[in-house]
Amino acid sequence: MAYVKKGSTKSLTSAGGAALILGLSARSMVGPEAKGSLAVCLAIALLLSVIMCGRYSRTRKVMPAGLTAGVSLAMAAGAALSASALHP
């Protein structure tokens, strides 16, 4: 969205890179490789959460910072729960 509104190539590049990494991780979430993929997903979700929570605390704008922070925290929680299910 930032790229469309302001022409931010930094936003486009970082979003595309994160999406590519998450997409490749999702493809390998089968079998024994699932642990590594979940760790990558958890790390990216936590990093995005920290960045967007900081941005939300500075701007107090729900869209896009607050919404992205909430979704990222939910993704991190889901990845953590999935990882804990792999370790009985």
N, C-alpha and C. Protein backbone atom coordinates (compact mmCIF):
# COMPACT_ATOMS: atom_id res chain seq x y z
N MET A 1 0.82 -1.19 0.00
CA MET A 1 0.00 0.00 0.00
C MET A 1 0.87 1.26 0.00
N ALA A 2 1.96 1.23 0.75
CA ALA A 2 2.84 2.40 0.80
C ALA A 2 3.47 2.65 -0.56
N TYR A 3 3.74 1.59 -1.30
CA TYR A 3 4.32 1.76 -2.62
C TYR A 3 3.34 2.47 -3.55
N VAL A 4 2.08 2.08 -3.48
CA VAL A 4 1.06 2.67 -4.34
C VAL A 4 0.85 4.14 -3.98
N LYS A 5 0.77 4.45 -2.68
CA LYS A 5 0.48 5.81 -2.25
C LYS A 5 1.67 6.74 -2.40
N LYS A 6 2.86 6.28 -2.00
CA LYS A 6 4.02 7.18 -1.95
C LYS A 6 5.18 6.76 -2.84
N GLY A 7 5.06 5.64 -3.52
CA GLY A 7 6.15 5.18 -4.37
C GLY A 7 7.35 4.65 -3.58
N SER A 8 7.09 4.09 -2.40
CA SER A 8 8.16 3.62 -1.53
C SER A 8 8.70 2.27 -2.00
N THR A 9 9.85 2.29 -2.65
CA THR A 9 10.45 1.04 -3.10
C THR A 9 10.98 0.24 -1.92
N LYS A 10 11.33 0.91 -0.83
CA LYS A 10 11.77 0.22 0.39
C LYS A 10 10.64 -0.67 0.93
N SER A 11 9.43 -0.13 0.94
CA SER A 11 8.28 -0.90 1.40
C SER A 11 8.00 -2.07 0.48
N LEU A 12 8.05 -1.84 -0.81
CA LEU A 12 7.80 -2.89 -1.80
C LEU A 12 8.84 -4.00 -1.70
N THR A 13 10.10 -3.63 -1.57
CA THR A 13 11.17 -4.61 -1.48
C THR A 13 11.09 -5.44 -0.21
N SER A 14 10.85 -4.79 0.93
CA SER A 14 10.79 -5.53 2.19
C SER A 14 9.56 -6.44 2.24
N ALA A 15 8.43 -5.97 1.75
CA ALA A 15 7.23 -6.81 1.73
C ALA A 15 7.39 -7.99 0.78
N GLY A 16 7.97 -7.74 -0.39
CA GLY A 16 8.21 -8.82 -1.35
C GLY A 16 9.19 -9.84 -0.83
N GLY A 17 10.25 -9.37 -0.18
CA GLY A 17 11.24 -10.30 0.39
C GLY A 17 10.65 -11.16 1.49
N ALA A 18 9.88 -10.55 2.38
CA ALA A 18 9.25 -11.32 3.46
C ALA A 18 8.25 -12.33 2.89
N ALA A 19 7.48 -11.90 1.89
CA ALA A 19 6.51 -12.81 1.27
C ALA A 19 7.20 -13.98 0.58
N LEU A 20 8.31 -13.72 -0.08
CA LEU A 20 9.06 -14.78 -0.75
C LEU A 20 9.61 -15.79 0.26
N ILE A 21 10.20 -15.29 1.34
CA ILE A 21 10.74 -16.18 2.37
C ILE A 21 9.64 -17.00 3.02
N LEU A 22 8.50 -16.35 3.34
CA LEU A 22 7.39 -17.08 3.96
C LEU A 22 6.79 -18.10 2.99
N GLY A 23 6.71 -17.75 1.71
CA GLY A 23 6.20 -18.69 0.72
C GLY A 23 7.08 -19.92 0.57
N LEU A 24 8.39 -19.69 0.53
CA LEU A 24 9.31 -20.83 0.44
C LEU A 24 9.28 -21.68 1.70
N SER A 25 9.12 -21.04 2.86
CA SER A 25 9.02 -21.79 4.11
C SER A 25 7.74 -22.62 4.15
N ALA A 26 6.66 -22.06 3.66
CA ALA A 26 5.39 -22.78 3.66
C ALA A 26 5.45 -24.02 2.78
N ARG A 27 6.20 -23.94 1.69
CA ARG A 27 6.32 -25.10 0.79
C ARG A 27 7.04 -26.26 1.44
N SER A 28 7.92 -25.97 2.40
CA SER A 28 8.70 -27.04 3.01
C SER A 28 8.22 -27.41 4.40
N MET A 29 6.97 -27.12 4.72
CA MET A 29 6.43 -27.44 6.04
C MET A 29 5.85 -28.84 6.11
N VAL A 30 6.50 -29.76 5.45
CA VAL A 30 6.06 -31.15 5.47
C VAL A 30 7.23 -32.00 5.94
N GLY A 31 6.95 -32.90 6.85
CA GLY A 31 7.99 -33.81 7.31
C GLY A 31 8.95 -33.18 8.29
N PRO A 32 10.17 -33.68 8.31
CA PRO A 32 11.16 -33.22 9.29
C PRO A 32 11.62 -31.78 9.07
N GLU A 33 11.44 -31.24 7.87
CA GLU A 33 11.85 -29.87 7.60
C GLU A 33 10.90 -28.84 8.21
N ALA A 34 9.78 -29.29 8.75
CA ALA A 34 8.78 -28.37 9.29
C ALA A 34 9.32 -27.55 10.45
N LYS A 35 10.21 -28.12 11.24
CA LYS A 35 10.76 -27.38 12.39
C LYS A 35 11.52 -26.14 11.95
N GLY A 36 12.36 -26.28 10.97
CA GLY A 36 13.13 -25.14 10.47
C GLY A 36 12.24 -24.09 9.83
N SER A 37 11.25 -24.55 9.07
CA SER A 37 10.33 -23.62 8.41
C SER A 37 9.50 -22.86 9.43
N LEU A 38 9.06 -23.54 10.46
CA LEU A 38 8.30 -22.86 11.51
C LEU A 38 9.16 -21.84 12.24
N ALA A 39 10.42 -22.15 12.44
CA ALA A 39 11.32 -21.20 13.10
C ALA A 39 11.49 -19.95 12.24
N VAL A 40 11.61 -20.12 10.93
CA VAL A 40 11.72 -18.98 10.03
C VAL A 40 10.46 -18.13 10.07
N CYS A 41 9.30 -18.79 10.00
CA CYS A 41 8.02 -18.09 10.05
C CYS A 41 7.85 -17.34 11.37
N LEU A 42 8.21 -17.98 12.46
CA LEU A 42 8.11 -17.35 13.77
C LEU A 42 9.03 -16.13 13.85
N ALA A 43 10.24 -16.25 13.35
CA ALA A 43 11.19 -15.13 13.40
C ALA A 43 10.70 -13.94 12.57
N ILE A 44 10.20 -14.20 11.39
CA ILE A 44 9.70 -13.11 10.54
C ILE A 44 8.47 -12.47 11.16
N ALA A 45 7.55 -13.28 11.68
CA ALA A 45 6.35 -12.73 12.31
C ALA A 45 6.71 -11.89 13.54
N LEU A 46 7.65 -12.34 14.34
CA LEU A 46 8.06 -11.56 15.51
C LEU A 46 8.77 -10.28 15.10
N LEU A 47 9.62 -10.34 14.10
CA LEU A 47 10.30 -9.14 13.62
C LEU A 47 9.29 -8.12 13.11
N LEU A 48 8.35 -8.58 12.32
CA LEU A 48 7.31 -7.68 11.80
C LEU A 48 6.46 -7.11 12.93
N SER A 49 6.16 -7.94 13.94
CA SER A 49 5.39 -7.46 15.09
C SER A 49 6.11 -6.36 15.83
N VAL A 50 7.39 -6.54 16.07
CA VAL A 50 8.17 -5.53 16.79
C VAL A 50 8.22 -4.23 16.01
N ILE A 51 8.48 -4.32 14.72
CA ILE A 51 8.56 -3.12 13.88
C ILE A 51 7.22 -2.40 13.84
N MET A 52 6.15 -3.13 13.61
CA MET A 52 4.85 -2.49 13.46
C MET A 52 4.26 -2.03 14.80
N CYS A 53 4.58 -2.72 15.89
CA CYS A 53 4.14 -2.23 17.21
C CYS A 53 4.82 -0.90 17.52
N GLY A 54 6.10 -0.79 17.20
CA GLY A 54 6.81 0.47 17.38
C GLY A 54 6.22 1.58 16.52
N ARG A 55 5.90 1.24 15.30
CA ARG A 55 5.30 2.23 14.40
C ARG A 55 3.91 2.65 14.89
N TYR A 56 3.15 1.67 15.39
CA TYR A 56 1.82 1.99 15.92
C TYR A 56 1.93 2.88 17.16
N SER A 57 2.88 2.60 18.04
CA SER A 57 3.02 3.41 19.24
C SER A 57 3.43 4.85 18.91
N ARG A 58 4.15 5.04 17.81
CA ARG A 58 4.52 6.40 17.40
C ARG A 58 3.37 7.14 16.74
N THR A 59 2.61 6.44 15.89
CA THR A 59 1.59 7.12 15.08
C THR A 59 0.17 7.00 15.63
N ARG A 60 -0.10 5.94 16.38
CA ARG A 60 -1.44 5.62 16.88
C ARG A 60 -2.47 5.45 15.76
N LYS A 61 -1.99 5.06 14.59
CA LYS A 61 -2.88 4.79 13.46
C LYS A 61 -3.12 3.29 13.37
N VAL A 62 -4.39 2.92 13.38
CA VAL A 62 -4.74 1.50 13.33
C VAL A 62 -4.40 0.92 11.96
N MET A 63 -4.60 1.71 10.92
CA MET A 63 -4.32 1.23 9.57
C MET A 63 -3.13 1.97 9.02
N PRO A 64 -2.08 1.34 8.65
CA PRO A 64 -1.83 -0.08 8.55
C PRO A 64 -1.05 -0.65 9.74
N ALA A 65 -0.43 0.22 10.57
CA ALA A 65 0.50 -0.27 11.59
C ALA A 65 -0.18 -1.14 12.65
N GLY A 66 -1.30 -0.70 13.20
CA GLY A 66 -1.97 -1.47 14.25
C GLY A 66 -2.50 -2.79 13.73
N LEU A 67 -3.09 -2.76 12.57
CA LEU A 67 -3.64 -3.99 11.98
C LEU A 67 -2.52 -4.99 11.66
N THR A 68 -1.45 -4.51 11.07
CA THR A 68 -0.33 -5.38 10.74
C THR A 68 0.32 -5.95 11.99
N ALA A 69 0.44 -5.12 13.04
CA ALA A 69 1.00 -5.61 14.30
C ALA A 69 0.12 -6.72 14.88
N GLY A 70 -1.18 -6.53 14.87
CA GLY A 70 -2.09 -7.55 15.41
C GLY A 70 -2.04 -8.85 14.63
N VAL A 71 -2.05 -8.75 13.32
CA VAL A 71 -2.00 -9.95 12.47
C VAL A 71 -0.66 -10.66 12.65
N SER A 72 0.42 -9.90 12.75
CA SER A 72 1.74 -10.50 12.93
C SER A 72 1.85 -11.20 14.28
N LEU A 73 1.28 -10.60 15.32
CA LEU A 73 1.28 -11.26 16.63
C LEU A 73 0.48 -12.56 16.59
N ALA A 74 -0.65 -12.53 15.88
CA ALA A 74 -1.46 -13.75 15.75
C ALA A 74 -0.69 -14.83 14.97
N MET A 75 0.02 -14.42 13.92
CA MET A 75 0.83 -15.38 13.16
C MET A 75 1.94 -15.96 14.02
N ALA A 76 2.57 -15.12 14.83
CA ALA A 76 3.64 -15.59 15.71
C ALA A 76 3.09 -16.59 16.73
N ALA A 77 1.91 -16.29 17.27
CA ALA A 77 1.30 -17.21 18.23
C ALA A 77 0.96 -18.54 17.56
N GLY A 78 0.44 -18.48 16.34
CA GLY A 78 0.12 -19.71 15.61
C GLY A 78 1.36 -20.53 15.30
N ALA A 79 2.43 -19.87 14.92
CA ALA A 79 3.69 -20.59 14.63
C ALA A 79 4.26 -21.20 15.90
N ALA A 80 4.16 -20.47 17.01
CA ALA A 80 4.67 -20.99 18.28
C ALA A 80 3.85 -22.21 18.73
N LEU A 81 2.54 -22.15 18.57
CA LEU A 81 1.70 -23.29 18.92
C LEU A 81 1.99 -24.50 18.04
N SER A 82 2.19 -24.24 16.76
CA SER A 82 2.52 -25.34 15.85
C SER A 82 3.87 -25.96 16.19
N ALA A 83 4.83 -25.11 16.54
CA ALA A 83 6.15 -25.62 16.90
C ALA A 83 6.08 -26.44 18.17
N SER A 84 5.25 -26.00 19.12
CA SER A 84 5.15 -26.76 20.38
C SER A 84 4.44 -28.09 20.15
N ALA A 85 3.57 -28.16 19.15
CA ALA A 85 2.90 -29.42 18.83
C ALA A 85 3.87 -30.43 18.22
N LEU A 86 4.93 -29.94 17.58
CA LEU A 86 5.93 -30.83 16.99
C LEU A 86 6.84 -31.45 18.03
N HIS A 87 6.91 -30.82 19.22
CA HIS A 87 7.75 -31.30 20.31
C HIS A 87 6.86 -31.83 21.43
N PRO A 88 6.43 -33.07 21.33
CA PRO A 88 5.52 -33.62 22.36
C PRO A 88 6.17 -33.77 23.72
